[in-house]
Amino acid sequence: METVVAHPANKEQMNAIKAFMKALKVDFKVQKSPYNAEFVAKIEKSRQEIKEGKGVRIKVEDLWK
């Protein structure tokens, strides 16, 4: 069989997914993220800032200078 991975954005979506799976009698398991939510939020914020052109870029050849 295949594996389906869902990424619900909020608790409401998670509850809907669980209800759907139970209604279809599909076995499923819920795993918590091994990462701290605050840490993940910081990383996502940094990625967004880079996309917006903010931040400092250092060339690879300048890293050890």
N, C-alpha and C. Protein backbone atom coordinates (compact mmCIF):
# COMPACT_ATOMS: atom_id res chain seq x y z
N MET A 1 0.82 -1.19 0.00
CA MET A 1 0.00 0.00 0.00
C MET A 1 0.86 1.25 0.00
N GLU A 2 0.23 2.36 -0.21
CA GLU A 2 0.91 3.65 -0.22
C GLU A 2 0.69 4.36 1.11
N THR A 3 1.53 5.33 1.38
CA THR A 3 1.42 6.14 2.58
C THR A 3 1.01 7.54 2.18
N VAL A 4 0.09 8.10 2.94
CA VAL A 4 -0.37 9.47 2.70
C VAL A 4 0.07 10.31 3.89
N VAL A 5 0.71 11.43 3.60
CA VAL A 5 1.13 12.35 4.65
C VAL A 5 0.36 13.65 4.48
N ALA A 6 -0.33 14.06 5.54
CA ALA A 6 -1.10 15.31 5.50
C ALA A 6 -0.44 16.32 6.42
N HIS A 7 -0.57 17.60 6.07
CA HIS A 7 -0.01 18.68 6.88
C HIS A 7 -1.12 19.68 7.21
N PRO A 8 -1.95 19.36 8.19
CA PRO A 8 -3.03 20.29 8.53
C PRO A 8 -2.46 21.60 9.08
N ALA A 9 -3.08 22.70 8.72
CA ALA A 9 -2.60 24.03 9.12
C ALA A 9 -3.11 24.44 10.50
N ASN A 10 -4.17 23.77 10.96
CA ASN A 10 -4.71 24.13 12.27
C ASN A 10 -5.44 22.94 12.89
N LYS A 11 -5.91 23.14 14.11
CA LYS A 11 -6.57 22.05 14.84
C LYS A 11 -7.87 21.62 14.17
N GLU A 12 -8.59 22.57 13.58
CA GLU A 12 -9.84 22.25 12.89
C GLU A 12 -9.61 21.28 11.73
N GLN A 13 -8.57 21.54 10.95
CA GLN A 13 -8.24 20.64 9.84
C GLN A 13 -7.82 19.27 10.36
N MET A 14 -7.07 19.25 11.45
CA MET A 14 -6.62 17.98 12.01
C MET A 14 -7.82 17.15 12.47
N ASN A 15 -8.76 17.80 13.13
CA ASN A 15 -9.96 17.09 13.58
C ASN A 15 -10.76 16.55 12.42
N ALA A 16 -10.86 17.32 11.33
CA ALA A 16 -11.59 16.87 10.15
C ALA A 16 -10.91 15.66 9.52
N ILE A 17 -9.60 15.68 9.44
CA ILE A 17 -8.85 14.55 8.87
C ILE A 17 -9.06 13.30 9.71
N LYS A 18 -8.98 13.45 11.03
CA LYS A 18 -9.19 12.31 11.92
C LYS A 18 -10.59 11.74 11.76
N ALA A 19 -11.60 12.60 11.69
CA ALA A 19 -12.98 12.15 11.53
C ALA A 19 -13.17 11.42 10.21
N PHE A 20 -12.56 11.95 9.16
CA PHE A 20 -12.65 11.33 7.84
C PHE A 20 -12.04 9.93 7.85
N MET A 21 -10.86 9.82 8.45
CA MET A 21 -10.18 8.52 8.50
C MET A 21 -10.98 7.50 9.32
N LYS A 22 -11.53 7.96 10.44
CA LYS A 22 -12.34 7.08 11.27
C LYS A 22 -13.60 6.64 10.53
N ALA A 23 -14.23 7.55 9.80
CA ALA A 23 -15.45 7.22 9.05
C ALA A 23 -15.18 6.16 7.99
N LEU A 24 -14.01 6.20 7.39
CA LEU A 24 -13.64 5.21 6.37
C LEU A 24 -13.00 3.96 6.97
N LYS A 25 -12.87 3.95 8.30
CA LYS A 25 -12.24 2.83 9.02
C LYS A 25 -10.83 2.57 8.53
N VAL A 26 -10.08 3.66 8.34
CA VAL A 26 -8.68 3.59 7.92
C VAL A 26 -7.80 3.72 9.16
N ASP A 27 -6.88 2.78 9.33
CA ASP A 27 -5.94 2.88 10.45
C ASP A 27 -5.00 4.05 10.21
N PHE A 28 -4.73 4.80 11.26
CA PHE A 28 -3.81 5.93 11.14
C PHE A 28 -3.13 6.17 12.48
N LYS A 29 -2.03 6.87 12.43
CA LYS A 29 -1.34 7.26 13.66
C LYS A 29 -0.94 8.72 13.54
N VAL A 30 -0.87 9.38 14.67
CA VAL A 30 -0.54 10.80 14.73
C VAL A 30 0.84 10.92 15.37
N GLN A 31 1.73 11.64 14.72
CA GLN A 31 3.06 11.85 15.25
C GLN A 31 3.27 13.34 15.48
N LYS A 32 3.80 13.68 16.62
CA LYS A 32 4.14 15.07 16.91
C LYS A 32 5.47 15.38 16.23
N SER A 33 5.65 16.63 15.88
CA SER A 33 6.91 17.05 15.28
C SER A 33 8.01 16.97 16.33
N PRO A 34 9.19 16.48 15.95
CA PRO A 34 10.29 16.41 16.93
C PRO A 34 10.91 17.77 17.20
N TYR A 35 10.45 18.80 16.47
CA TYR A 35 11.03 20.12 16.60
C TYR A 35 10.15 21.03 17.46
N ASN A 36 10.79 21.90 18.18
CA ASN A 36 10.11 22.89 18.99
C ASN A 36 9.38 23.86 18.06
N ALA A 37 8.10 24.13 18.32
CA ALA A 37 7.29 24.98 17.45
C ALA A 37 7.87 26.39 17.34
N GLU A 38 8.45 26.90 18.42
CA GLU A 38 9.05 28.23 18.40
C GLU A 38 10.26 28.26 17.46
N PHE A 39 11.05 27.20 17.49
CA PHE A 39 12.22 27.08 16.62
C PHE A 39 11.79 27.04 15.15
N VAL A 40 10.77 26.26 14.85
CA VAL A 40 10.27 26.15 13.48
C VAL A 40 9.77 27.50 12.99
N ALA A 41 9.07 28.24 13.85
CA ALA A 41 8.56 29.56 13.47
C ALA A 41 9.71 30.51 13.13
N LYS A 42 10.81 30.45 13.89
CA LYS A 42 11.97 31.30 13.61
C LYS A 42 12.58 30.97 12.25
N ILE A 43 12.69 29.69 11.96
CA ILE A 43 13.25 29.26 10.68
C ILE A 43 12.37 29.73 9.53
N GLU A 44 11.06 29.56 9.66
CA GLU A 44 10.14 29.99 8.61
C GLU A 44 10.20 31.51 8.41
N LYS A 45 10.32 32.26 9.51
CA LYS A 45 10.43 33.71 9.42
C LYS A 45 11.71 34.09 8.67
N SER A 46 12.81 33.41 8.98
CA SER A 46 14.08 33.69 8.31
C SER A 46 14.00 33.37 6.83
N ARG A 47 13.37 32.28 6.48
CA ARG A 47 13.22 31.93 5.06
C ARG A 47 12.42 33.00 4.32
N GLN A 48 11.36 33.49 4.96
CA GLN A 48 10.54 34.53 4.34
C GLN A 48 11.34 35.82 4.15
N GLU A 49 12.15 36.17 5.15
CA GLU A 49 12.98 37.37 5.06
C GLU A 49 13.97 37.27 3.90
N ILE A 50 14.55 36.12 3.71
CA ILE A 50 15.49 35.91 2.59
C ILE A 50 14.76 36.09 1.26
N LYS A 51 13.54 35.54 1.16
CA LYS A 51 12.77 35.70 -0.07
C LYS A 51 12.47 37.17 -0.35
N GLU A 52 12.31 37.95 0.71
CA GLU A 52 12.00 39.37 0.57
C GLU A 52 13.26 40.21 0.34
N GLY A 53 14.42 39.57 0.33
CA GLY A 53 15.66 40.29 0.07
C GLY A 53 16.32 40.85 1.32
N LYS A 54 15.80 40.53 2.46
CA LYS A 54 16.40 41.00 3.71
C LYS A 54 17.48 40.00 4.12
N GLY A 55 18.33 40.41 5.03
CA GLY A 55 19.36 39.50 5.53
C GLY A 55 20.71 39.79 4.93
N VAL A 56 21.69 39.04 5.33
CA VAL A 56 23.06 39.23 4.88
C VAL A 56 23.49 37.99 4.09
N ARG A 57 24.04 38.24 2.93
CA ARG A 57 24.56 37.12 2.12
C ARG A 57 26.08 37.20 2.12
N ILE A 58 26.70 36.06 2.36
CA ILE A 58 28.17 35.99 2.39
C ILE A 58 28.58 34.96 1.33
N LYS A 59 29.51 35.35 0.48
CA LYS A 59 30.01 34.43 -0.52
C LYS A 59 30.80 33.31 0.16
N VAL A 60 30.77 32.13 -0.41
CA VAL A 60 31.45 30.98 0.17
C VAL A 60 32.95 31.25 0.33
N GLU A 61 33.52 31.89 -0.69
CA GLU A 61 34.97 32.13 -0.62
C GLU A 61 35.34 33.14 0.48
N ASP A 62 34.37 33.91 0.96
CA ASP A 62 34.64 34.89 2.03
C ASP A 62 34.36 34.36 3.43
N LEU A 63 33.88 33.13 3.55
CA LEU A 63 33.52 32.59 4.86
C LEU A 63 34.68 32.52 5.83
N TRP A 64 35.85 32.21 5.39
CA TRP A 64 37.00 32.00 6.28
C TRP A 64 37.92 33.19 6.35
N LYS A 65 37.49 34.34 5.89
CA LYS A 65 38.34 35.53 5.93
C LYS A 65 38.11 36.29 7.20
